[in-house]
């Protein structure tokens, strides 16, 4: 959002600077002989700017609205992005570049399931709210960090974890969770340079380690969801059934937790 506002401010600054130069050039001869010329030039510049604004400054609005749509999409605010693009298409139906940009967004979104789209949108709205309110609630930052990990937004997750740790520096559970997240992200980074065989071996070890820890000590809803998804992707139905029974027994007094894990929420 800061980038969007910054670019809008730059556009306005360049516009007004250009008007100043033009007015100074036009009135330069008079300024040397008439003391009232400078105020008149300023008034003229204000009138020109006012007329431009009253006409809706279409090319500036077009640029800023496009930036807004792009910003929404980059932040995961998908419904807002689609709505902004639709408004732009209605205003500028002949803009082929804008249509091509919107078509690419729609193509990207078509590859994501409805459930995943909802998760992305929900996480984006949570992030927007926490930053807007400068939240001091460590639990909310933890929820955001875990959700960003689930979406693979690792850089954002690390920032959220840092905010969580800053707000709750003595919470050992939070510190341990942060350390595991850092180790996981580092492993993911290292995997990019590994052979397919080494990558598979590392994934096997990570899934086995996650399974062993959850079976023995339990874990967060997001961790159980990661394990369930891993078992489903790998086709390990027998292990999945066994671990689901363990999870349900661990949380037999927490039906809401079981529902959250199984529902993916």
Protein backbone atom coordinates (compact mmCIF):
# COMPACT_ATOMS: atom_id res chain seq x y z
CA UNK A 1 0.00 0.00 0.00
CA UNK A 2 2.88 2.35 0.81
CA UNK A 3 4.28 1.80 -2.71
CA UNK A 4 0.88 2.55 -4.24
CA UNK A 5 0.53 5.81 -2.29
CA UNK A 6 4.13 6.76 -3.04
CA UNK A 7 3.71 6.34 -6.79
CA UNK A 8 0.49 8.34 -6.70
CA UNK A 9 2.27 11.14 -4.83
CA UNK A 10 5.11 11.12 -7.39
CA UNK A 11 2.61 11.50 -10.24
CA UNK A 12 0.99 14.50 -8.52
CA UNK A 13 4.39 16.05 -7.76
CA UNK A 14 5.50 15.76 -11.40
CA UNK A 15 2.21 17.20 -12.61
CA UNK A 16 2.35 20.26 -10.36
CA UNK A 17 6.07 20.75 -11.04
CA UNK A 18 5.34 20.81 -14.77
CA UNK A 19 2.58 23.37 -14.24
CA UNK A 20 4.97 25.56 -12.22
CA UNK A 21 7.60 25.48 -14.98
CA UNK A 22 5.03 26.27 -17.66
CA UNK A 23 3.55 29.18 -15.71
CA UNK A 24 6.99 30.55 -14.88
CA UNK A 25 7.97 30.41 -18.56
CA UNK A 26 4.79 32.10 -19.71
CA UNK A 27 4.93 34.91 -17.17
CA UNK A 28 8.71 35.39 -17.00
CA UNK A 29 8.76 38.64 -19.03
CA UNK A 30 6.04 40.22 -16.89
CA UNK A 31 7.65 39.18 -13.61
CA UNK A 32 10.57 41.48 -14.24
CA UNK A 33 8.30 44.54 -14.56
CA UNK A 34 5.15 43.86 -12.54
CA UNK A 35 5.10 42.83 -8.86
CA UNK A 36 1.55 41.44 -9.13
CA UNK A 37 2.49 39.00 -11.84
CA UNK A 38 3.75 36.29 -9.49
CA UNK A 39 0.49 36.07 -7.48
CA UNK A 40 -1.48 36.11 -10.74
CA UNK A 41 0.68 33.28 -12.10
CA UNK A 42 0.08 31.28 -8.92
CA UNK A 43 -3.65 31.86 -9.22
CA UNK A 44 -3.57 30.80 -12.85
CA UNK A 45 -1.72 27.63 -11.96
CA UNK A 46 -4.32 26.85 -9.27
CA UNK A 47 -7.14 27.42 -11.77
CA UNK A 48 -5.53 25.07 -14.30
CA UNK A 49 -4.99 22.39 -11.65
CA UNK A 50 -8.57 22.86 -10.44
CA UNK A 51 -9.98 22.44 -13.94
CA UNK A 52 -7.86 19.36 -14.45
CA UNK A 53 -9.09 17.84 -11.18
CA UNK A 54 -12.72 18.73 -11.90
CA UNK A 55 -12.46 16.83 -15.17
CA UNK A 56 -11.41 13.75 -13.24
CA UNK A 57 -7.78 13.70 -14.49
CA UNK A 58 -8.55 10.48 -16.43
CA UNK A 59 -4.98 9.35 -17.19
CA UNK A 60 -3.96 9.85 -13.54
CA UNK A 61 -7.04 8.02 -12.26
CA UNK A 62 -6.35 5.22 -14.72
CA UNK A 63 -2.79 4.83 -13.43
CA UNK A 64 -3.73 4.94 -9.77
CA UNK A 65 -6.69 2.56 -10.17
CA UNK A 66 -4.47 0.10 -12.02
CA UNK A 67 -1.89 0.33 -9.25
CA UNK A 68 -4.65 -0.29 -6.70
CA UNK A 69 -5.82 -3.42 -8.53
CA UNK A 70 -2.24 -4.70 -8.78
CA UNK A 71 -1.63 -3.97 -5.10
CA UNK A 72 -4.74 -5.87 -4.02
CA UNK A 73 -3.70 -8.87 -6.09
CA UNK A 74 -0.10 -8.90 -4.81
CA UNK A 75 -1.35 -8.76 -1.21
CA UNK A 76 -3.80 -11.62 -1.72
CA UNK A 77 -6.89 -9.40 -1.50
CA UNK A 78 -8.34 -11.28 -4.46
CA UNK A 79 -11.98 -10.23 -4.46
CA UNK A 80 -10.98 -6.57 -4.11
CA UNK A 81 -8.50 -6.96 -6.97
CA UNK A 82 -11.07 -8.52 -9.30
CA UNK A 83 -13.60 -5.81 -8.41
CA UNK A 84 -11.04 -3.06 -9.10
CA UNK A 85 -10.15 -4.58 -12.47
CA UNK A 86 -13.82 -4.90 -13.41
CA UNK A 87 -14.38 -1.24 -12.60
CA UNK A 88 -11.39 -0.31 -14.77
CA UNK A 89 -12.60 -2.44 -17.69
CA UNK A 90 -16.00 -0.71 -17.47
CA UNK A 91 -14.36 2.73 -17.54
CA UNK A 92 -11.80 1.87 -20.25
CA UNK A 93 -13.35 -0.89 -22.44
CA UNK A 94 -10.92 -0.20 -25.32
CA UNK A 95 -7.76 -0.58 -23.21
CA UNK A 96 -6.31 -3.84 -24.54
CA UNK A 97 -3.31 -3.79 -22.18
CA UNK A 98 -5.63 -3.55 -19.18
CA UNK A 99 -7.76 -6.43 -20.48
CA UNK A 100 -4.65 -8.57 -20.99
CA UNK A 101 -3.54 -7.81 -17.42
CA UNK A 102 -6.96 -8.77 -16.05
CA UNK A 103 -7.05 -11.95 -18.16
CA UNK A 104 -3.73 -13.03 -16.64
CA UNK A 105 -5.10 -12.48 -13.14
CA UNK A 106 -8.21 -14.53 -13.95
CA UNK A 107 -6.05 -17.30 -15.43
CA UNK A 108 -3.93 -17.43 -12.29
CA UNK A 109 -7.02 -17.55 -10.09
CA UNK A 110 -8.57 -20.35 -12.17
CA UNK A 111 -5.69 -22.61 -11.16
CA UNK A 112 -6.51 -22.26 -7.45
CA UNK A 113 -9.33 -24.13 -5.72
CA UNK A 114 -12.21 -22.25 -4.15
CA UNK A 115 -11.06 -23.31 -0.67
CA UNK A 116 -7.51 -22.08 -1.30
CA UNK A 117 -8.82 -18.77 -2.63
CA UNK A 118 -10.83 -18.32 0.55
CA UNK A 119 -7.77 -19.06 2.71
CA UNK A 120 -5.62 -16.60 0.73
CA UNK A 121 -8.27 -13.90 1.04
CA UNK A 122 -8.78 -14.50 4.77
CA UNK A 123 -5.04 -14.41 5.51
CA UNK A 124 -4.62 -11.23 3.45
CA UNK A 125 -7.44 -9.51 5.34
CA UNK A 126 -5.94 -10.58 8.68
CA UNK A 127 -2.54 -9.24 7.66
CA UNK A 128 -4.06 -5.95 6.52
CA UNK A 129 -5.94 -5.53 9.79
CA UNK A 130 -2.96 -6.34 12.05
CA UNK A 131 -0.71 -3.89 10.25
CA UNK A 132 -3.39 -1.21 10.11
CA UNK A 133 -4.08 -1.52 13.86
CA UNK A 134 -0.41 -2.14 14.73
CA UNK A 135 -1.75 -5.02 16.83
CA UNK A 136 -0.08 -5.89 20.12
CA UNK A 137 -1.82 -9.28 20.29
CA UNK A 138 0.87 -11.97 20.03
CA UNK A 139 -1.74 -14.70 19.44
CA UNK A 140 -3.00 -12.95 16.33
CA UNK A 141 0.52 -12.55 14.94
CA UNK A 142 1.08 -16.25 15.65
CA UNK A 143 -2.09 -17.12 13.73
CA UNK A 144 -0.97 -14.95 10.82
CA UNK A 145 2.53 -16.49 10.81
CA UNK A 146 1.19 -20.06 10.85
CA UNK A 147 -1.24 -19.24 8.05
CA UNK A 148 1.50 -17.66 5.95
CA UNK A 149 3.65 -20.76 6.47
CA UNK A 150 0.76 -22.88 5.24
CA UNK A 151 0.51 -20.74 2.09
CA UNK A 152 4.27 -20.87 1.51
CA UNK A 153 4.70 -17.12 2.11
CA UNK A 154 7.85 -17.73 4.12
CA UNK A 155 9.30 -14.20 4.09
CA UNK A 156 6.03 -12.76 5.39
CA UNK A 157 5.79 -15.56 7.97
CA UNK A 158 9.22 -14.76 9.40
CA UNK A 159 8.22 -11.11 9.83
CA UNK A 160 5.01 -12.15 11.61
CA UNK A 161 6.90 -14.57 13.86
CA UNK A 162 9.32 -11.79 14.76
CA UNK A 163 6.41 -9.57 15.80
CA UNK A 164 5.01 -12.45 17.85
CA UNK A 165 8.34 -13.00 19.64
CA UNK A 166 8.76 -9.27 20.27
CA UNK A 167 5.33 -9.13 21.92
CA UNK A 168 5.79 -12.33 23.93
CA UNK A 169 9.57 -12.76 24.48
CA UNK A 170 9.19 -15.14 27.44
CA UNK A 171 6.79 -17.57 25.79
CA UNK A 172 8.79 -20.78 25.24
CA UNK A 173 6.11 -22.33 23.02
CA UNK A 174 6.27 -19.36 20.66
CA UNK A 175 10.08 -19.41 20.64
CA UNK A 176 10.13 -23.14 19.83
CA UNK A 177 7.58 -22.68 17.05
CA UNK A 178 9.62 -19.85 15.56
CA UNK A 179 12.79 -21.96 15.65
CA UNK A 180 11.05 -24.84 13.87
CA UNK A 181 9.73 -22.47 11.23
CA UNK A 182 13.22 -21.07 10.60
CA UNK A 183 14.66 -24.59 10.29
CA UNK A 184 11.89 -25.58 7.89
CA UNK A 185 12.44 -22.53 5.68
CA UNK A 186 16.19 -23.09 5.62
CA UNK A 187 15.62 -26.72 4.63
CA UNK A 188 13.29 -25.61 1.84
CA UNK A 189 15.95 -23.23 0.57
CA UNK A 190 18.63 -25.92 0.64
CA UNK A 191 16.34 -28.34 -1.20
CA UNK A 192 16.44 -26.15 -4.29
CA UNK A 193 20.12 -27.09 -4.79
CA UNK A 194 19.62 -30.83 -4.15
CA UNK A 195 19.18 -33.67 -6.58
CA UNK A 196 15.63 -35.12 -6.86
CA UNK A 197 16.74 -38.15 -4.83
CA UNK A 198 18.17 -35.99 -2.03
CA UNK A 199 15.07 -33.82 -2.06
CA UNK A 200 12.85 -36.86 -1.67
CA UNK A 201 14.99 -38.18 1.20
CA UNK A 202 14.80 -34.83 2.96
CA UNK A 203 11.00 -34.70 2.52
CA UNK A 204 10.71 -38.24 3.89
CA UNK A 205 12.72 -37.24 6.97
CA UNK A 206 10.68 -34.07 7.50
CA UNK A 207 7.34 -35.92 7.26
CA UNK A 208 8.59 -38.71 9.55
CA UNK A 209 9.89 -36.18 12.08
CA UNK A 210 6.64 -34.19 12.04
CA UNK A 211 4.64 -37.38 12.46
CA UNK A 212 6.74 -38.58 15.40
CA UNK A 213 6.48 -35.25 17.19
CA UNK A 214 2.72 -34.89 16.69
CA UNK A 215 2.08 -38.47 17.76
CA UNK A 216 4.03 -37.97 20.97
CA UNK A 217 3.43 -34.36 21.94
CA UNK A 218 0.63 -33.10 19.72
CA UNK A 219 0.84 -29.78 17.94
CA UNK A 220 -1.01 -26.90 16.34
CA UNK A 221 -3.93 -27.26 13.94
CA UNK A 222 -1.71 -26.03 11.11
CA UNK A 223 0.92 -28.71 11.82
CA UNK A 224 -1.69 -31.46 11.79
CA UNK A 225 -3.03 -30.06 8.52
CA UNK A 226 0.45 -30.15 6.99
CA UNK A 227 0.89 -33.78 8.03
CA UNK A 228 -2.55 -34.76 6.70
CA UNK A 229 -1.86 -33.03 3.39
CA UNK A 230 1.55 -34.73 3.11
CA UNK A 231 0.01 -38.16 3.70
CA UNK A 232 -2.70 -37.49 1.12
CA UNK A 233 -0.21 -36.31 -1.51
CA UNK A 234 2.03 -39.33 -0.88
CA UNK A 235 -0.90 -41.74 -0.96
CA UNK A 236 -0.11 -43.09 2.52
CA UNK A 237 -3.71 -43.88 3.45
CA UNK A 238 -2.93 -46.41 6.21
CA UNK A 239 -0.61 -44.01 8.05
CA UNK A 240 -3.11 -41.19 7.56
CA UNK A 241 -5.93 -43.21 9.14
CA UNK A 242 -3.70 -44.14 12.06
CA UNK A 243 -2.61 -40.55 12.68
CA UNK A 244 -6.16 -39.23 12.41
CA UNK A 245 -7.20 -41.59 15.18
CA UNK A 246 -4.29 -40.39 17.33
CA UNK A 247 -5.20 -36.76 16.65
CA UNK A 248 -8.84 -37.34 17.56
CA UNK A 249 -7.86 -39.08 20.80
CA UNK A 250 -5.52 -36.21 21.74
CA UNK A 251 -8.33 -33.71 21.24
CA UNK A 252 -11.34 -35.76 22.32
CA UNK A 253 -12.29 -32.93 24.69
CA UNK A 254 -11.78 -30.32 21.94
CA UNK A 255 -14.26 -31.03 19.13
CA UNK A 256 -13.72 -27.52 17.82
CA UNK A 257 -10.00 -28.30 17.37
CA UNK A 258 -10.78 -31.53 15.52
CA UNK A 259 -13.23 -29.69 13.28
CA UNK A 260 -10.64 -26.99 12.56
CA UNK A 261 -7.99 -29.56 11.63
CA UNK A 262 -10.26 -31.62 9.41
CA UNK A 263 -11.88 -28.57 7.88
CA UNK A 264 -8.57 -26.97 7.00
CA UNK A 265 -9.61 -23.71 8.71
